[in-house]
Structures are given as C-alpha cells and as structure tokens.
C-alpha cells in the first residue's frame, strides 16, 4: 500500500484512557508526522495525570511535545478555541475509549478531549476515531452504531482483538491511522472498516 500523504495537514491528535494502547498511539502520531502532518496533541485529564503499569504520563507526553514542536493541549479552556480559531484540518482520537464514544454520542462536553472534538466539528471537519474498548460489542455497541451513522465521523478499521478471552472487546488497527485520515479528508471511509483487531498480548 502506498504511504499516506498528509503534507500540509494540521492534525489534532487527541488521547484518552486505554493506557495499554498509549505506546501504539504515540507511534501512530509519529507515523502521521512522517506522512507530512503538523501535529496538535490534545490529552485528557486522566491521560495526563495517572501513572499506570504501562508507564508514567510523561513517558508519553514528552514524545508528543517533541513531535509537535512543544504544543500540548491539556484543558477545556485550551481546547475550546480549536474550532473558532481554525487550528485543525482533521482531528484524530487515538485511542478512543468506550467512555468517550458514549460522551460523543450523547453530546456531553465535560473534558478536554470531548471539547476538542466539539470545537473541531464546529467547522464540519472530519473526526477520526481509533477505538479501543472492552465493551465495543456490549454496552458501547449502541454508541458505536450511532457514530458510524453520523456525518463527519470516520473510523480507523477495527476488529475483535481477543474473541476467546474478551469476546466483546474491539480495537482498531493503529497502523492504519494515516490512511484513514487521508481518506476522511476526501470525505471517504477507509474500507474495509472491519478487520482483525490488534492484540494487546
């Protein structure tokens, strides 16, 4: 497959939860920059403050700052101007948790990442969701279905990452983020949208 061309694209890159996928998310951000995108990272309050067995927040915030030339949005007040000031051409949420799927579906704006999405959508520009949720085929299924049918939302191809041990879990193929962004900027959903999910094991 030919490498995606994101030359000149101002890409918002939002991260929330799903700490086991944080390293994959940073790698996906790097791939977008390698494809030519200018990065504007946005991190949720939890992502920016909670150390986990997968690493300390700064382990991931530091490379994001490096990729973006020091820019990093960490609060609702910093995220609100994204749309009014026309700061982004596309916005990727990577990873996108089941909790955020529910908030986006219901129009809840109570944190940095949902505010970034709401503000960006003000201009009718594409939002690309790279999902990672243990209940994608359970409680989150209704929200997933809702957003699949909403204008301006696009999905990095996803699938079941462990059908035997985690039969309701869905995870996107993070390596397909640049291609999905490129397609979304043309108004197209990268296909097939269902693929083999990325295992966390």
Protein backbone atom coordinates (compact mmCIF):
# COMPACT_ATOMS: atom_id res chain seq x y z
CA UNK A 1 0.00 0.00 0.00
CA UNK A 2 1.28 3.47 -0.90
CA UNK A 3 2.15 5.65 2.08
CA UNK A 4 -0.47 8.21 3.02
CA UNK A 5 0.27 11.82 2.09
CA UNK A 6 -0.70 14.25 4.84
CA UNK A 7 1.56 17.06 3.66
CA UNK A 8 0.38 20.42 4.98
CA UNK A 9 -2.43 18.88 7.07
CA UNK A 10 -2.93 20.32 10.55
CA UNK A 11 -3.90 17.26 12.55
CA UNK A 12 -5.38 17.43 16.02
CA UNK A 13 -4.34 14.28 17.87
CA UNK A 14 -6.36 13.50 21.00
CA UNK A 15 -5.57 10.77 23.52
CA UNK A 16 -7.81 9.48 26.30
CA UNK A 17 -7.64 6.42 28.54
CA UNK A 18 -6.92 2.92 27.20
CA UNK A 19 -3.48 3.19 28.78
CA UNK A 20 -2.40 -0.19 27.38
CA UNK A 21 -2.53 1.41 23.93
CA UNK A 22 -0.64 4.61 24.79
CA UNK A 23 2.61 3.47 23.16
CA UNK A 24 0.72 2.47 20.00
CA UNK A 25 -0.97 5.87 19.98
CA UNK A 26 2.34 7.72 20.16
CA UNK A 27 3.67 5.53 17.33
CA UNK A 28 0.57 6.39 15.27
CA UNK A 29 1.16 10.09 15.95
CA UNK A 30 4.74 9.70 14.72
CA UNK A 31 3.50 7.93 11.58
CA UNK A 32 1.18 10.85 10.82
CA UNK A 33 4.04 13.31 11.23
CA UNK A 34 6.22 11.15 8.95
CA UNK A 35 3.39 11.34 6.40
CA UNK A 36 3.63 15.14 6.50
CA UNK A 37 1.09 16.20 9.11
CA UNK A 38 1.62 19.05 11.58
CA UNK A 39 0.54 17.73 14.98
CA UNK A 40 -1.54 19.43 17.69
CA UNK A 41 -1.74 16.96 20.61
CA UNK A 42 -4.72 17.01 22.98
CA UNK A 43 -4.70 14.87 26.12
CA UNK A 44 -7.46 14.04 28.58
CA UNK A 45 -7.13 14.95 32.22
CA UNK A 46 -6.71 11.29 33.17
CA UNK A 47 -4.18 10.52 30.46
CA UNK A 48 -2.07 13.49 31.56
CA UNK A 49 -2.08 12.67 35.26
CA UNK A 50 -2.46 8.95 36.05
CA UNK A 51 0.64 6.69 36.19
CA UNK A 52 -0.13 3.07 35.29
CA UNK A 53 1.77 -0.18 34.82
CA UNK A 54 2.17 0.88 31.17
CA UNK A 55 4.17 3.97 32.09
CA UNK A 56 4.11 7.41 33.66
CA UNK A 57 2.21 10.19 31.86
CA UNK A 58 5.43 11.99 30.97
CA UNK A 59 6.65 8.88 29.13
CA UNK A 60 4.01 9.67 26.51
CA UNK A 61 3.62 13.44 26.85
CA UNK A 62 7.31 14.07 26.19
CA UNK A 63 7.42 12.42 22.74
CA UNK A 64 4.15 14.16 21.83
CA UNK A 65 5.72 17.52 22.65
CA UNK A 66 8.73 16.59 20.53
CA UNK A 67 6.52 15.65 17.58
CA UNK A 68 4.50 18.87 17.86
CA UNK A 69 7.27 21.37 18.50
CA UNK A 70 6.25 21.76 22.14
CA UNK A 71 2.50 22.19 21.68
CA UNK A 72 0.17 20.26 24.01
CA UNK A 73 -3.46 20.99 24.92
CA UNK A 74 -4.38 19.80 28.42
CA UNK A 75 -7.53 21.68 29.48
CA UNK A 76 -11.05 22.55 28.36
CA UNK A 77 -10.16 26.22 28.09
CA UNK A 78 -7.21 25.42 25.82
CA UNK A 79 -9.33 23.08 23.66
CA UNK A 80 -12.30 25.40 23.15
CA UNK A 81 -10.60 27.71 20.58
CA UNK A 82 -9.69 24.83 18.22
CA UNK A 83 -12.76 25.42 16.05
CA UNK A 84 -13.20 29.19 16.34
CA UNK A 85 -9.50 29.78 15.58
CA UNK A 86 -9.47 27.16 12.78
CA UNK A 87 -6.48 25.33 14.25
CA UNK A 88 -7.06 21.88 12.70
CA UNK A 89 -8.00 20.35 9.34
CA UNK A 90 -8.76 16.93 10.86
CA UNK A 91 -8.90 15.58 14.40
CA UNK A 92 -7.96 12.02 15.35
CA UNK A 93 -8.91 10.49 18.70
CA UNK A 94 -6.35 7.75 19.30
CA UNK A 95 -7.16 5.81 21.35
CA UNK A 96 -10.90 6.42 21.63
CA UNK A 97 -12.42 4.66 24.63
CA UNK A 98 -15.96 3.38 25.15
CA UNK A 99 -16.45 6.17 27.67
CA UNK A 100 -15.66 8.79 25.04
CA UNK A 101 -17.88 7.05 22.47
CA UNK A 102 -20.76 7.46 24.92
CA UNK A 103 -20.00 11.14 25.50
CA UNK A 104 -19.72 11.93 21.79
CA UNK A 105 -22.94 10.07 21.05
CA UNK A 106 -24.79 11.95 23.79
CA UNK A 107 -23.21 15.33 23.10
CA UNK A 108 -21.56 15.53 26.53
CA UNK A 109 -18.67 18.01 26.74
CA UNK A 110 -17.18 17.63 30.20
CA UNK A 111 -13.46 17.29 29.50
CA UNK A 112 -10.59 18.34 27.28
CA UNK A 113 -10.99 15.70 24.56
CA UNK A 114 -14.78 15.96 24.08
CA UNK A 115 -14.41 19.75 24.00
CA UNK A 116 -11.71 19.43 21.33
CA UNK A 117 -14.00 17.23 19.23
CA UNK A 118 -16.99 19.54 19.67
CA UNK A 119 -14.95 22.62 18.83
CA UNK A 120 -13.37 20.99 15.77
CA UNK A 121 -16.76 19.78 14.49
CA UNK A 122 -17.98 23.38 14.50
CA UNK A 123 -16.31 23.72 11.10
CA UNK A 124 -17.78 20.48 9.71
CA UNK A 125 -14.35 18.88 9.52
CA UNK A 126 -13.55 15.17 9.87
CA UNK A 127 -13.11 13.43 13.21
CA UNK A 128 -11.27 10.10 13.02
CA UNK A 129 -11.87 7.62 15.84
CA UNK A 130 -9.32 4.91 16.63
CA UNK A 131 -11.35 2.82 19.05
CA UNK A 132 -10.10 0.64 21.89
CA UNK A 133 -12.82 -0.57 24.21
CA UNK A 134 -13.53 -3.79 26.09
CA UNK A 135 -17.29 -3.39 25.64
CA UNK A 136 -17.45 -2.47 21.95
CA UNK A 137 -19.84 -5.37 21.28
CA UNK A 138 -21.75 -4.83 24.53
CA UNK A 139 -22.72 -1.56 26.25
CA UNK A 140 -20.74 0.59 23.80
CA UNK A 141 -22.24 -1.03 20.69
CA UNK A 142 -25.18 1.39 20.55
CA UNK A 143 -22.84 4.40 20.67
CA UNK A 144 -20.55 2.90 18.06
CA UNK A 145 -23.52 2.34 15.77
CA UNK A 146 -24.74 5.88 16.34
CA UNK A 147 -21.41 7.47 15.45
CA UNK A 148 -20.95 5.21 12.42
CA UNK A 149 -24.08 6.89 11.07
CA UNK A 150 -23.10 10.48 11.96
CA UNK A 151 -21.71 12.94 9.44
CA UNK A 152 -18.06 13.91 9.82
CA UNK A 153 -17.12 10.81 11.87
CA UNK A 154 -14.72 8.24 10.40
CA UNK A 155 -13.26 5.09 11.93
CA UNK A 156 -9.83 3.53 11.75
CA UNK A 157 -10.63 -0.08 10.73
CA UNK A 158 -11.22 -2.19 13.83
CA UNK A 159 -11.97 -5.73 14.95
CA UNK A 160 -12.00 -8.14 17.86
CA UNK A 161 -8.58 -8.29 19.48
CA UNK A 162 -9.20 -11.43 21.58
CA UNK A 163 -12.53 -13.11 20.71
CA UNK A 164 -11.99 -16.01 23.13
CA UNK A 165 -10.93 -14.25 26.33
CA UNK A 166 -12.56 -10.86 25.58
CA UNK A 167 -15.46 -11.53 23.22
CA UNK A 168 -16.92 -8.00 23.39
CA UNK A 169 -13.60 -6.14 23.01
CA UNK A 170 -12.84 -4.07 19.89
CA UNK A 171 -9.52 -2.47 18.97
CA UNK A 172 -8.56 -0.53 15.85
CA UNK A 173 -5.51 -1.23 13.72
CA UNK A 174 -3.46 1.81 14.81
CA UNK A 175 -1.11 1.42 11.82
CA UNK A 176 -3.98 2.42 9.52
CA UNK A 177 -4.48 5.86 11.10
CA UNK A 178 -2.59 7.89 8.44
CA UNK A 179 -4.52 6.19 5.63
CA UNK A 180 -7.82 6.71 7.44
CA UNK A 181 -7.07 10.40 7.96
CA UNK A 182 -6.16 10.79 4.28
CA UNK A 183 -9.42 9.11 3.20
CA UNK A 184 -11.50 11.13 5.68
CA UNK A 185 -10.12 14.38 4.29
CA UNK A 186 -11.59 13.26 0.95
CA UNK A 187 -14.91 12.50 2.64
CA UNK A 188 -14.42 8.73 2.41
CA UNK A 189 -14.37 5.96 5.00
CA UNK A 190 -11.31 3.72 4.62
CA UNK A 191 -12.51 0.22 3.76
CA UNK A 192 -12.95 -2.44 4.89
CA UNK A 193 -13.91 -0.92 8.22
CA UNK A 194 -13.97 -4.35 9.87
CA UNK A 195 -10.60 -6.06 10.14
CA UNK A 196 -8.64 -8.22 12.52
CA UNK A 197 -8.12 -6.25 15.71
CA UNK A 198 -4.71 -5.58 17.22
CA UNK A 199 -3.99 -7.85 20.17
CA UNK A 200 -2.69 -6.32 23.38
CA UNK A 201 -0.95 -9.53 24.34
